[in-house]
PDB file of all heavy atoms in Angstrom:
ATOM      1  N   ASP A   1       0.829  -1.200   0.000  1.00  0.00           N
ATOM      2  CA  ASP A   1       0.000   0.000   0.000  1.00  0.00           C
ATOM      3  C   ASP A   1       0.867   1.254   0.000  1.00  0.00           C
ATOM      4  O   ASP A   1       2.049   1.226   0.336  1.00  0.00           O
ATOM      5  CB  ASP A   1      -0.909   0.010   1.232  1.00  0.00           C
ATOM      6  CG  ASP A   1      -1.858  -1.181   1.261  1.00  0.00           C
ATOM      7  OD1 ASP A   1      -2.260  -1.626   0.157  1.00  0.00           O
ATOM      8  OD2 ASP A   1      -2.186  -1.650   2.368  1.00  0.00           O
ATOM      9  N   GLY A   2       0.255   2.372  -0.346  1.00  0.00           N
ATOM     10  CA  GLY A   2       0.920   3.670  -0.273  1.00  0.00           C
ATOM     11  C   GLY A   2       1.895   3.900  -1.405  1.00  0.00           C
ATOM     12  O   GLY A   2       1.837   3.271  -2.461  1.00  0.00           O
ATOM     13  N   VAL A   3       2.819   4.836  -1.167  1.00  0.00           N
ATOM     14  CA  VAL A   3       3.789   5.206  -2.189  1.00  0.00           C
ATOM     15  C   VAL A   3       5.055   4.370  -2.039  1.00  0.00           C
ATOM     16  O   VAL A   3       5.292   3.736  -1.014  1.00  0.00           O
ATOM     17  CB  VAL A   3       4.142   6.710  -2.101  1.00  0.00           C
ATOM     18  CG1 VAL A   3       2.914   7.564  -2.356  1.00  0.00           C
ATOM     19  CG2 VAL A   3       4.745   7.045  -0.751  1.00  0.00           C
ATOM     20  N   LEU A   4       5.868   4.386  -3.067  1.00  0.00           N
ATOM     21  CA  LEU A   4       7.108   3.613  -3.086  1.00  0.00           C
ATOM     22  C   LEU A   4       8.174   4.377  -2.308  1.00  0.00           C
ATOM     23  O   LEU A   4       8.716   5.378  -2.786  1.00  0.00           O
ATOM     24  CB  LEU A   4       7.548   3.409  -4.536  1.00  0.00           C
ATOM     25  CG  LEU A   4       8.752   2.508  -4.789  1.00  0.00           C
ATOM     26  CD1 LEU A   4       8.480   1.091  -4.318  1.00  0.00           C
ATOM     27  CD2 LEU A   4       9.110   2.509  -6.278  1.00  0.00           C
ATOM     28  N   GLU A   5       8.507   3.920  -1.097  1.00  0.00           N
ATOM     29  CA  GLU A   5       9.489   4.622  -0.272  1.00  0.00           C
ATOM     30  C   GLU A   5      10.371   3.676   0.532  1.00  0.00           C
ATOM     31  O   GLU A   5      11.491   4.036   0.901  1.00  0.00           O
ATOM     32  CB  GLU A   5       8.798   5.603   0.679  1.00  0.00           C
ATOM     33  CG  GLU A   5       7.823   4.959   1.645  1.00  0.00           C
ATOM     34  CD  GLU A   5       7.183   5.965   2.577  1.00  0.00           C
ATOM     35  OE1 GLU A   5       7.461   7.167   2.431  1.00  0.00           O
ATOM     36  OE2 GLU A   5       6.385   5.547   3.446  1.00  0.00           O
ATOM     37  N   ASN A   6       9.908   2.464   0.835  1.00  0.00           N
ATOM     38  CA  ASN A   6      10.705   1.494   1.581  1.00  0.00           C
ATOM     39  C   ASN A   6      11.931   1.100   0.766  1.00  0.00           C
ATOM     40  O   ASN A   6      11.841   0.808  -0.429  1.00  0.00           O
ATOM     41  CB  ASN A   6       9.838   0.267   1.895  1.00  0.00           C
ATOM     42  CG  ASN A   6      10.571  -0.811   2.671  1.00  0.00           C
ATOM     43  OD1 ASN A   6      11.537  -1.393   2.187  1.00  0.00           O
ATOM     44  ND2 ASN A   6      10.099  -1.089   3.871  1.00  0.00           N
ATOM     45  N   GLY A   7      13.104   1.073   1.405  1.00  0.00           N
ATOM     46  CA  GLY A   7      14.342   0.786   0.695  1.00  0.00           C
ATOM     47  C   GLY A   7      14.324  -0.541  -0.040  1.00  0.00           C
ATOM     48  O   GLY A   7      14.801  -0.645  -1.177  1.00  0.00           O
ATOM     49  N   ALA A   8      13.763  -1.587   0.579  1.00  0.00           N
ATOM     50  CA  ALA A   8      13.702  -2.901  -0.062  1.00  0.00           C
ATOM     51  C   ALA A   8      12.776  -2.878  -1.266  1.00  0.00           C
ATOM     52  O   ALA A   8      13.073  -3.458  -2.315  1.00  0.00           O
ATOM     53  CB  ALA A   8      13.246  -3.954   0.946  1.00  0.00           C
ATOM     54  N   HIS A   9      11.635  -2.218  -1.126  1.00  0.00           N
ATOM     55  CA  HIS A   9      10.686  -2.143  -2.235  1.00  0.00           C
ATOM     56  C   HIS A   9      11.272  -1.365  -3.413  1.00  0.00           C
ATOM     57  O   HIS A   9      11.054  -1.733  -4.584  1.00  0.00           O
ATOM     58  CB  HIS A   9       9.392  -1.472  -1.762  1.00  0.00           C
ATOM     59  CG  HIS A   9       8.607  -2.313  -0.812  1.00  0.00           C
ATOM     60  ND1 HIS A   9       7.636  -1.791   0.023  1.00  0.00           N
ATOM     61  CD2 HIS A   9       8.651  -3.648  -0.540  1.00  0.00           C
ATOM     62  CE1 HIS A   9       7.106  -2.754   0.750  1.00  0.00           C
ATOM     63  NE2 HIS A   9       7.706  -3.897   0.431  1.00  0.00           N
ATOM     64  N   ILE A  10      12.016  -0.310  -3.132  1.00  0.00           N
ATOM     65  CA  ILE A  10      12.634   0.468  -4.210  1.00  0.00           C
ATOM     66  C   ILE A  10      13.653  -0.379  -4.958  1.00  0.00           C
ATOM     67  O   ILE A  10      13.727  -0.336  -6.192  1.00  0.00           O
ATOM     68  CB  ILE A  10      13.291   1.747  -3.639  1.00  0.00           C
ATOM     69  CG1 ILE A  10      12.211   2.713  -3.155  1.00  0.00           C
ATOM     70  CG2 ILE A  10      14.176   2.418  -4.690  1.00  0.00           C
ATOM     71  CD1 ILE A  10      12.751   3.950  -2.487  1.00  0.00           C
ATOM     72  N   CYS A  11      14.442  -1.160  -4.230  1.00  0.00           N
ATOM     73  CA  CYS A  11      15.431  -2.024  -4.882  1.00  0.00           C
ATOM     74  C   CYS A  11      14.748  -3.056  -5.777  1.00  0.00           C
ATOM     75  O   CYS A  11      15.151  -3.273  -6.924  1.00  0.00           O
ATOM     76  CB  CYS A  11      16.297  -2.727  -3.840  1.00  0.00           C
ATOM     77  SG  CYS A  11      17.452  -1.642  -2.963  1.00  0.00           S
ATOM     78  N   ALA A  12      13.717  -3.705  -5.257  1.00  0.00           N
ATOM     79  CA  ALA A  12      13.005  -4.714  -6.042  1.00  0.00           C
ATOM     80  C   ALA A  12      12.346  -4.082  -7.263  1.00  0.00           C
ATOM     81  O   ALA A  12      12.341  -4.665  -8.360  1.00  0.00           O
ATOM     82  CB  ALA A  12      11.957  -5.404  -5.172  1.00  0.00           C
ATOM     83  N   TRP A  13      11.791  -2.891  -7.095  1.00  0.00           N
ATOM     84  CA  TRP A  13      11.158  -2.173  -8.213  1.00  0.00           C
ATOM     85  C   TRP A  13      12.175  -1.849  -9.305  1.00  0.00           C
ATOM     86  O   TRP A  13      11.916  -2.078 -10.498  1.00  0.00           O
ATOM     87  CB  TRP A  13      10.516  -0.894  -7.685  1.00  0.00           C
ATOM     88  CG  TRP A  13      10.122   0.088  -8.750  1.00  0.00           C
ATOM     89  CD1 TRP A  13       9.028   0.029  -9.565  1.00  0.00           C
ATOM     90  CD2 TRP A  13      10.836   1.272  -9.107  1.00  0.00           C
ATOM     91  NE1 TRP A  13       9.020   1.110 -10.415  1.00  0.00           N
ATOM     92  CE2 TRP A  13      10.113   1.890 -10.155  1.00  0.00           C
ATOM     93  CE3 TRP A  13      12.001   1.876  -8.649  1.00  0.00           C
ATOM     94  CZ2 TRP A  13      10.529   3.080 -10.749  1.00  0.00           C
ATOM     95  CZ3 TRP A  13      12.423   3.049  -9.229  1.00  0.00           C
ATOM     96  CH2 TRP A  13      11.690   3.644 -10.267  1.00  0.00           C
ATOM     97  N   ALA A  14      13.339  -1.330  -8.925  1.00  0.00           N
ATOM     98  CA  ALA A  14      14.345  -0.969  -9.920  1.00  0.00           C
ATOM     99  C   ALA A  14      14.903  -2.211 -10.614  1.00  0.00           C
ATOM    100  O   ALA A  14      15.110  -2.211 -11.835  1.00  0.00           O
ATOM    101  CB  ALA A  14      15.473  -0.174  -9.258  1.00  0.00           C
ATOM    102  N   LEU A  15      15.131  -3.278  -9.843  1.00  0.00           N
ATOM    103  CA  LEU A  15      15.663  -4.510 -10.436  1.00  0.00           C
ATOM    104  C   LEU A  15      14.676  -5.136 -11.408  1.00  0.00           C
ATOM    105  O   LEU A  15      15.078  -5.870 -12.324  1.00  0.00           O
ATOM    106  CB  LEU A  15      16.014  -5.507  -9.334  1.00  0.00           C
ATOM    107  CG  LEU A  15      17.219  -5.148  -8.450  1.00  0.00           C
ATOM    108  CD1 LEU A  15      17.332  -6.122  -7.285  1.00  0.00           C
ATOM    109  CD2 LEU A  15      18.507  -5.131  -9.257  1.00  0.00           C
ATOM    110  N   SER A  16      13.380  -4.862 -11.232  1.00  0.00           N
ATOM    111  CA  SER A  16      12.377  -5.443 -12.131  1.00  0.00           C
ATOM    112  C   SER A  16      12.511  -4.918 -13.555  1.00  0.00           C
ATOM    113  O   SER A  16      11.968  -5.514 -14.487  1.00  0.00           O
ATOM    114  CB  SER A  16      10.966  -5.151 -11.600  1.00  0.00           C
ATOM    115  OG  SER A  16      10.644  -3.769 -11.725  1.00  0.00           O
ATOM    116  N   TYR A  17      13.230  -3.813 -13.744  1.00  0.00           N
ATOM    117  CA  TYR A  17      13.432  -3.245 -15.073  1.00  0.00           C
ATOM    118  C   TYR A  17      14.652  -3.839 -15.774  1.00  0.00           C
ATOM    119  O   TYR A  17      14.934  -3.479 -16.914  1.00  0.00           O
ATOM    120  CB  TYR A  17      13.582  -1.726 -14.985  1.00  0.00           C
ATOM    121  CG  TYR A  17      12.270  -1.012 -14.713  1.00  0.00           C
ATOM    122  CD1 TYR A  17      11.858  -0.756 -13.411  1.00  0.00           C
ATOM    123  CD2 TYR A  17      11.446  -0.619 -15.758  1.00  0.00           C
ATOM    124  CE1 TYR A  17      10.662  -0.122 -13.150  1.00  0.00           C
ATOM    125  CE2 TYR A  17      10.243   0.027 -15.508  1.00  0.00           C
ATOM    126  CZ  TYR A  17       9.852   0.268 -14.205  1.00  0.00           C
ATOM    127  OH  TYR A  17       8.657   0.895 -13.954  1.00  0.00           O
ATOM    128  N   LEU A  18      15.379  -4.709 -15.084  1.00  0.00           N
ATOM    129  CA  LEU A  18      16.540  -5.350 -15.686  1.00  0.00           C
ATOM    130  C   LEU A  18      16.158  -6.714 -16.252  1.00  0.00           C
ATOM    131  O   LEU A  18      15.204  -7.344 -15.781  1.00  0.00           O
ATOM    132  CB  LEU A  18      17.651  -5.525 -14.641  1.00  0.00           C
ATOM    133  CG  LEU A  18      18.235  -4.242 -14.035  1.00  0.00           C
ATOM    134  CD1 LEU A  18      19.240  -4.608 -12.946  1.00  0.00           C
ATOM    135  CD2 LEU A  18      18.896  -3.389 -15.097  1.00  0.00           C
ATOM    136  N   ASP A  19      16.913  -7.166 -17.208  1.00  0.00           N
ATOM    137  CA  ASP A  19      16.676  -8.473 -17.812  1.00  0.00           C
ATOM    138  C   ASP A  19      17.418  -9.542 -17.022  1.00  0.00           C
ATOM    139  O   ASP A  19      18.295 -10.253 -17.539  1.00  0.00           O
ATOM    140  CB  ASP A  19      17.124  -8.461 -19.279  1.00  0.00           C
ATOM    141  CG  ASP A  19      16.723  -9.732 -20.008  1.00  0.00           C
ATOM    142  OD1 ASP A  19      15.791 -10.413 -19.529  1.00  0.00           O
ATOM    143  OD2 ASP A  19      17.358 -10.054 -21.035  1.00  0.00           O
ATOM    144  N   VAL A  20      17.093  -9.639 -15.730  1.00  0.00           N
ATOM    145  CA  VAL A  20      17.721 -10.609 -14.834  1.00  0.00           C
ATOM    146  C   VAL A  20      16.645 -11.197 -13.928  1.00  0.00           C
ATOM    147  O   VAL A  20      15.559 -10.633 -13.767  1.00  0.00           O
ATOM    148  CB  VAL A  20      18.820  -9.962 -13.971  1.00  0.00           C
ATOM    149  CG1 VAL A  20      19.953  -9.429 -14.835  1.00  0.00           C
ATOM    150  CG2 VAL A  20      18.236  -8.847 -13.093  1.00  0.00           C
ATOM    151  N   GLU A  21      16.955 -12.343 -13.336  1.00  0.00           N
ATOM    152  CA  GLU A  21      16.050 -12.953 -12.373  1.00  0.00           C
ATOM    153  C   GLU A  21      16.177 -12.223 -11.033  1.00  0.00           C
ATOM    154  O   GLU A  21      17.278 -11.871 -10.607  1.00  0.00           O
ATOM    155  CB  GLU A  21      16.381 -14.433 -12.190  1.00  0.00           C
ATOM    156  CG  GLU A  21      16.117 -15.287 -13.422  1.00  0.00           C
ATOM    157  CD  GLU A  21      14.640 -15.402 -13.735  1.00  0.00           C
ATOM    158  OE1 GLU A  21      13.832 -15.422 -12.776  1.00  0.00           O
ATOM    159  OE2 GLU A  21      14.294 -15.438 -14.934  1.00  0.00           O
ATOM    160  N   VAL A  22      15.058 -12.001 -10.384  1.00  0.00           N
ATOM    161  CA  VAL A  22      15.022 -11.320  -9.095  1.00  0.00           C
ATOM    162  C   VAL A  22      14.253 -12.195  -8.101  1.00  0.00           C
ATOM    163  O   VAL A  22      13.143 -12.659  -8.404  1.00  0.00           O
ATOM    164  CB  VAL A  22      14.348  -9.939  -9.196  1.00  0.00           C
ATOM    165  CG1 VAL A  22      14.336  -9.245  -7.832  1.00  0.00           C
ATOM    166  CG2 VAL A  22      15.044  -9.069 -10.231  1.00  0.00           C
ATOM    167  N   ASP A  23      14.844 -12.431  -6.948  1.00  0.00           N
ATOM    168  CA  ASP A  23      14.188 -13.227  -5.911  1.00  0.00           C
ATOM    169  C   ASP A  23      13.297 -12.302  -5.087  1.00  0.00           C
ATOM    170  O   ASP A  23      13.685 -11.811  -4.024  1.00  0.00           O
ATOM    171  CB  ASP A  23      15.244 -13.901  -5.020  1.00  0.00           C
ATOM    172  CG  ASP A  23      14.641 -14.962  -4.108  1.00  0.00           C
ATOM    173  OD1 ASP A  23      13.427 -14.897  -3.848  1.00  0.00           O
ATOM    174  OD2 ASP A  23      15.393 -15.847  -3.659  1.00  0.00           O
ATOM    175  N   TYR A  24      12.082 -12.060  -5.601  1.00  0.00           N
ATOM    176  CA  TYR A  24      11.191 -11.099  -4.946  1.00  0.00           C
ATOM    177  C   TYR A  24      10.773 -11.562  -3.552  1.00  0.00           C
ATOM    178  O   TYR A  24      10.517 -10.726  -2.673  1.00  0.00           O
ATOM    179  CB  TYR A  24       9.949 -10.870  -5.815  1.00  0.00           C
ATOM    180  CG  TYR A  24      10.246 -10.155  -7.114  1.00  0.00           C
ATOM    181  CD1 TYR A  24      10.265 -10.838  -8.322  1.00  0.00           C
ATOM    182  CD2 TYR A  24      10.515  -8.787  -7.123  1.00  0.00           C
ATOM    183  CE1 TYR A  24      10.550 -10.183  -9.514  1.00  0.00           C
ATOM    184  CE2 TYR A  24      10.800  -8.122  -8.299  1.00  0.00           C
ATOM    185  CZ  TYR A  24      10.812  -8.824  -9.497  1.00  0.00           C
ATOM    186  OH  TYR A  24      11.099  -8.173 -10.667  1.00  0.00           O
ATOM    187  N   GLY A  25      10.711 -12.874  -3.342  1.00  0.00           N
ATOM    188  CA  GLY A  25      10.341 -13.372  -2.026  1.00  0.00           C
ATOM    189  C   GLY A  25      11.300 -12.904  -0.946  1.00  0.00           C
ATOM    190  O   GLY A  25      10.883 -12.488   0.142  1.00  0.00           O
ATOM    191  N   ARG A  26      12.581 -12.956  -1.247  1.00  0.00           N
ATOM    192  CA  ARG A  26      13.571 -12.520  -0.254  1.00  0.00           C
ATOM    193  C   ARG A  26      13.545 -11.012  -0.073  1.00  0.00           C
ATOM    194  O   ARG A  26      13.761 -10.507   1.034  1.00  0.00           O
ATOM    195  CB  ARG A  26      14.960 -12.988  -0.662  1.00  0.00           C
ATOM    196  CG  ARG A  26      15.131 -14.498  -0.604  1.00  0.00           C
ATOM    197  CD  ARG A  26      16.589 -14.884  -0.537  1.00  0.00           C
ATOM    198  NE  ARG A  26      16.774 -16.318  -0.495  1.00  0.00           N
ATOM    199  CZ  ARG A  26      17.935 -16.913  -0.293  1.00  0.00           C
ATOM    200  NH1 ARG A  26      19.017 -16.180  -0.111  1.00  0.00           N
ATOM    201  NH2 ARG A  26      18.031 -18.219  -0.272  1.00  0.00           N
ATOM    202  N   TRP A  27      13.290 -10.288  -1.150  1.00  0.00           N
ATOM    203  CA  TRP A  27      13.193  -8.835  -1.010  1.00  0.00           C
ATOM    204  C   TRP A  27      12.020  -8.462  -0.110  1.00  0.00           C
ATOM    205  O   TRP A  27      12.126  -7.562   0.724  1.00  0.00           O
ATOM    206  CB  TRP A  27      13.056  -8.175  -2.380  1.00  0.00           C
ATOM    207  CG  TRP A  27      14.350  -8.065  -3.115  1.00  0.00           C
ATOM    208  CD1 TRP A  27      14.770  -8.800  -4.187  1.00  0.00           C
ATOM    209  CD2 TRP A  27      15.424  -7.168  -2.820  1.00  0.00           C
ATOM    210  NE1 TRP A  27      16.022  -8.418  -4.571  1.00  0.00           N
ATOM    211  CE2 TRP A  27      16.457  -7.412  -3.758  1.00  0.00           C
ATOM    212  CE3 TRP A  27      15.625  -6.170  -1.862  1.00  0.00           C
ATOM    213  CZ2 TRP A  27      17.659  -6.707  -3.761  1.00  0.00           C
ATOM    214  CZ3 TRP A  27      16.815  -5.466  -1.852  1.00  0.00           C
ATOM    215  CH2 TRP A  27      17.823  -5.729  -2.789  1.00  0.00           C
ATOM    216  N   MET A  28      10.887  -9.160  -0.275  1.00  0.00           N
ATOM    217  CA  MET A  28       9.735  -8.850   0.562  1.00  0.00           C
ATOM    218  C   MET A  28       9.983  -9.254   2.012  1.00  0.00           C
ATOM    219  O   MET A  28       9.465  -8.630   2.938  1.00  0.00           O
ATOM    220  CB  MET A  28       8.493  -9.563   0.021  1.00  0.00           C
ATOM    221  CG  MET A  28       8.069  -9.120  -1.384  1.00  0.00           C
ATOM    222  SD  MET A  28       7.908  -7.320  -1.589  1.00  0.00           S
ATOM    223  CE  MET A  28       9.434  -6.941  -2.490  1.00  0.00           C
ATOM    224  N   SER A  29      10.797 -10.302   2.227  1.00  0.00           N
ATOM    225  CA  SER A  29      11.055 -10.757   3.593  1.00  0.00           C
ATOM    226  C   SER A  29      11.901  -9.759   4.382  1.00  0.00           C
ATOM    227  O   SER A  29      11.810  -9.700   5.611  1.00  0.00           O
ATOM    228  CB  SER A  29      11.736 -12.126   3.573  1.00  0.00           C
ATOM    229  OG  SER A  29      13.058 -12.038   3.070  1.00  0.00           O
ATOM    230  N   VAL A  30      12.749  -8.992   3.692  1.00  0.00           N
ATOM    231  CA  VAL A  30      13.586  -8.017   4.411  1.00  0.00           C
ATOM    232  C   VAL A  30      12.934  -6.640   4.477  1.00  0.00           C
ATOM    233  O   VAL A  30      13.427  -5.757   5.182  1.00  0.00           O
ATOM    234  CB  VAL A  30      14.988  -7.885   3.774  1.00  0.00           C
ATOM    235  CG1 VAL A  30      15.678  -9.238   3.716  1.00  0.00           C
ATOM    236  CG2 VAL A  30      14.915  -7.251   2.389  1.00  0.00           C
ATOM    237  N   ALA A  31      11.830  -6.453   3.745  1.00  0.00           N
ATOM    238  CA  ALA A  31      11.176  -5.139   3.736  1.00  0.00           C
ATOM    239  C   ALA A  31      10.797  -4.654   5.131  1.00  0.00           C
ATOM    240  O   ALA A  31      11.000  -3.476   5.456  1.00  0.00           O
ATOM    241  CB  ALA A  31       9.955  -5.170   2.811  1.00  0.00           C
ATOM    242  N   PRO A  32      10.249  -5.518   6.021  1.00  0.00           N
ATOM    243  CA  PRO A  32       9.938  -5.024   7.376  1.00  0.00           C
ATOM    244  C   PRO A  32      11.177  -4.574   8.136  1.00  0.00           C
ATOM    245  O   PRO A  32      11.106  -3.636   8.947  1.00  0.00           O
ATOM    246  CB  PRO A  32       9.288  -6.251   8.044  1.00  0.00           C
ATOM    247  CG  PRO A  32       8.746  -7.054   6.916  1.00  0.00           C
ATOM    248  CD  PRO A  32       9.733  -6.888   5.805  1.00  0.00           C
ATOM    249  N   LEU A  33      12.331  -5.226   7.900  1.00  0.00           N
ATOM    250  CA  LEU A  33      13.563  -4.817   8.580  1.00  0.00           C
ATOM    251  C   LEU A  33      14.050  -3.460   8.093  1.00  0.00           C
ATOM    252  O   LEU A  33      14.700  -2.722   8.844  1.00  0.00           O
ATOM    253  CB  LEU A  33      14.653  -5.866   8.358  1.00  0.00           C
ATOM    254  CG  LEU A  33      14.427  -7.254   8.964  1.00  0.00           C
ATOM    255  CD1 LEU A  33      15.553  -8.190   8.546  1.00  0.00           C
ATOM    256  CD2 LEU A  33      14.340  -7.170  10.484  1.00  0.00           C
ATOM    257  N   LEU A  34      13.757  -3.145   6.831  1.00  0.00           N
ATOM    258  CA  LEU A  34      14.239  -1.896   6.241  1.00  0.00           C
ATOM    259  C   LEU A  34      13.166  -0.808   6.243  1.00  0.00           C
ATOM    260  O   LEU A  34      13.310   0.195   5.555  1.00  0.00           O
ATOM    261  CB  LEU A  34      14.721  -2.151   4.808  1.00  0.00           C
ATOM    262  CG  LEU A  34      15.851  -3.179   4.665  1.00  0.00           C
ATOM    263  CD1 LEU A  34      16.269  -3.317   3.208  1.00  0.00           C
ATOM    264  CD2 LEU A  34      17.051  -2.792   5.514  1.00  0.00           C
ATOM    265  N   GLU A  35      12.100  -1.017   7.022  1.00  0.00           N
ATOM    266  CA  GLU A  35      10.996  -0.058   7.058  1.00  0.00           C
ATOM    267  C   GLU A  35      11.461   1.317   7.528  1.00  0.00           C
ATOM    268  O   GLU A  35      10.904   2.346   7.160  1.00  0.00           O
ATOM    269  CB  GLU A  35       9.894  -0.574   7.993  1.00  0.00           C
ATOM    270  CG  GLU A  35       8.638   0.273   8.007  1.00  0.00           C
ATOM    271  CD  GLU A  35       7.887   0.228   6.686  1.00  0.00           C
ATOM    272  OE1 GLU A  35       7.881  -0.834   6.045  1.00  0.00           O
ATOM    273  OE2 GLU A  35       7.318   1.262   6.296  1.00  0.00           O
ATOM    274  N   ARG A  36      12.494   1.331   8.357  1.00  0.00           N
ATOM    275  CA  ARG A  36      12.984   2.604   8.899  1.00  0.00           C
ATOM    276  C   ARG A  36      13.820   3.390   7.893  1.00  0.00           C
ATOM    277  O   ARG A  36      14.230   4.515   8.170  1.00  0.00           O
ATOM    278  CB  ARG A  36      13.798   2.340  10.156  1.00  0.00           C
ATOM    279  CG  ARG A  36      15.107   1.610   9.920  1.00  0.00           C
ATOM    280  CD  ARG A  36      15.765   1.114  11.203  1.00  0.00           C
ATOM    281  NE  ARG A  36      15.079  -0.036  11.740  1.00  0.00           N
ATOM    282  CZ  ARG A  36      15.484  -0.702  12.824  1.00  0.00           C
ATOM    283  NH1 ARG A  36      16.555  -0.294  13.476  1.00  0.00           N
ATOM    284  NH2 ARG A  36      14.819  -1.757  13.254  1.00  0.00           N
ATOM    285  N   TYR A  37      14.121   2.802   6.745  1.00  0.00           N
ATOM    286  CA  TYR A  37      14.870   3.492   5.698  1.00  0.00           C
ATOM    287  C   TYR A  37      13.900   3.919   4.599  1.00  0.00           C
ATOM    288  O   TYR A  37      13.444   3.095   3.802  1.00  0.00           O
ATOM    289  CB  TYR A  37      15.952   2.583   5.106  1.00  0.00           C
ATOM    290  CG  TYR A  37      17.052   2.227   6.076  1.00  0.00           C
ATOM    291  CD1 TYR A  37      16.929   1.132   6.924  1.00  0.00           C
ATOM    292  CD2 TYR A  37      18.218   2.991   6.143  1.00  0.00           C
ATOM    293  CE1 TYR A  37      17.948   0.802   7.809  1.00  0.00           C
ATOM    294  CE2 TYR A  37      19.239   2.665   7.028  1.00  0.00           C
ATOM    295  CZ  TYR A  37      19.090   1.571   7.863  1.00  0.00           C
ATOM    296  OH  TYR A  37      20.101   1.248   8.736  1.00  0.00           O
ATOM    297  N   LYS A  38      13.575   5.207   4.560  1.00  0.00           N
ATOM    298  CA  LYS A  38      12.613   5.733   3.589  1.00  0.00           C
ATOM    299  C   LYS A  38      13.329   6.691   2.636  1.00  0.00           C
ATOM    300  O   LYS A  38      14.136   7.522   3.057  1.00  0.00           O
ATOM    301  CB  LYS A  38      11.465   6.454   4.300  1.00  0.00           C
ATOM    302  CG  LYS A  38      10.676   5.565   5.257  1.00  0.00           C
ATOM    303  CD  LYS A  38       9.532   6.333   5.893  1.00  0.00           C
ATOM    304  CE  LYS A  38       8.801   5.485   6.918  1.00  0.00           C
ATOM    305  NZ  LYS A  38       8.176   4.294   6.310  1.00  0.00           N
ATOM    306  N   PHE A  39      13.000   6.561   1.363  1.00  0.00           N
ATOM    307  CA  PHE A  39      13.616   7.388   0.334  1.00  0.00           C
ATOM    308  C   PHE A  39      12.538   8.116  -0.455  1.00  0.00           C
ATOM    309  O   PHE A  39      11.398   7.653  -0.555  1.00  0.00           O
ATOM    310  CB  PHE A  39      14.462   6.529  -0.615  1.00  0.00           C
ATOM    311  CG  PHE A  39      15.612   5.840   0.062  1.00  0.00           C
ATOM    312  CD1 PHE A  39      15.438   4.612   0.686  1.00  0.00           C
ATOM    313  CD2 PHE A  39      16.870   6.430   0.095  1.00  0.00           C
ATOM    314  CE1 PHE A  39      16.494   3.963   1.313  1.00  0.00           C
ATOM    315  CE2 PHE A  39      17.935   5.796   0.733  1.00  0.00           C
ATOM    316  CZ  PHE A  39      17.736   4.563   1.342  1.00  0.00           C
ATOM    317  N   ALA A  40      12.917   9.248  -1.031  1.00  0.00           N
ATOM    318  CA  ALA A  40      11.994  10.033  -1.843  1.00  0.00           C
ATOM    319  C   ALA A  40      12.806  10.794  -2.892  1.00  0.00           C
ATOM    320  O   ALA A  40      14.023  10.944  -2.761  1.00  0.00           O
ATOM    321  CB  ALA A  40      11.194  11.015  -0.973  1.00  0.00           C
ATOM    322  N   GLY A  41      12.115  11.273  -3.906  1.00  0.00           N
ATOM    323  CA  GLY A  41      12.807  12.036  -4.944  1.00  0.00           C
ATOM    324  C   GLY A  41      12.285  11.675  -6.318  1.00  0.00           C
ATOM    325  O   GLY A  41      11.239  11.025  -6.455  1.00  0.00           O
ATOM    326  N   PHE A  42      13.008  12.082  -7.334  1.00  0.00           N
ATOM    327  CA  PHE A  42      12.596  11.771  -8.695  1.00  0.00           C
ATOM    328  C   PHE A  42      13.835  11.572  -9.557  1.00  0.00           C
ATOM    329  O   PHE A  42      14.920  12.065  -9.252  1.00  0.00           O
ATOM    330  CB  PHE A  42      11.726  12.889  -9.277  1.00  0.00           C
ATOM    331  CG  PHE A  42      12.385  14.236  -9.293  1.00  0.00           C
ATOM    332  CD1 PHE A  42      13.124  14.660 -10.390  1.00  0.00           C
ATOM    333  CD2 PHE A  42      12.283  15.091  -8.203  1.00  0.00           C
ATOM    334  CE1 PHE A  42      13.747  15.895 -10.403  1.00  0.00           C
ATOM    335  CE2 PHE A  42      12.904  16.337  -8.211  1.00  0.00           C
ATOM    336  CZ  PHE A  42      13.639  16.737  -9.311  1.00  0.00           C
ATOM    337  N   ILE A  43      13.660  10.818 -10.627  1.00  0.00           N
ATOM    338  CA  ILE A  43      14.759  10.525 -11.549  1.00  0.00           C
ATOM    339  C   ILE A  43      14.490  11.272 -12.852  1.00  0.00           C
ATOM    340  O   ILE A  43      13.485  11.021 -13.519  1.00  0.00           O
ATOM    341  CB  ILE A  43      14.856   9.013 -11.831  1.00  0.00           C
ATOM    342  CG1 ILE A  43      15.037   8.248 -10.514  1.00  0.00           C
ATOM    343  CG2 ILE A  43      16.008   8.705 -12.775  1.00  0.00           C
ATOM    344  CD1 ILE A  43      14.944   6.740 -10.662  1.00  0.00           C
ATOM    345  N   ASN A  44      15.369  12.186 -13.195  1.00  0.00           N
ATOM    346  CA  ASN A  44      15.187  12.933 -14.449  1.00  0.00           C
ATOM    347  C   ASN A  44      16.397  12.812 -15.371  1.00  0.00           C
ATOM    348  O   ASN A  44      16.604  13.649 -16.241  1.00  0.00           O
ATOM    349  CB  ASN A  44      14.884  14.406 -14.159  1.00  0.00           C
ATOM    350  CG  ASN A  44      16.035  15.106 -13.445  1.00  0.00           C
ATOM    351  OD1 ASN A  44      16.960  14.457 -12.978  1.00  0.00           O
ATOM    352  ND2 ASN A  44      15.951  16.425 -13.349  1.00  0.00           N
TER     353      ASN A  44
END
């Protein structure tokens, strides 16, 4: 839910644009641990 700001979610989101396999299960498992790391901004 909400906007993309959790560090783990941002990593998984960016990796999804690469032509590589991504272990999304492990990324989601560490997301609660990285909840305290929030990022914001834009890519231009």
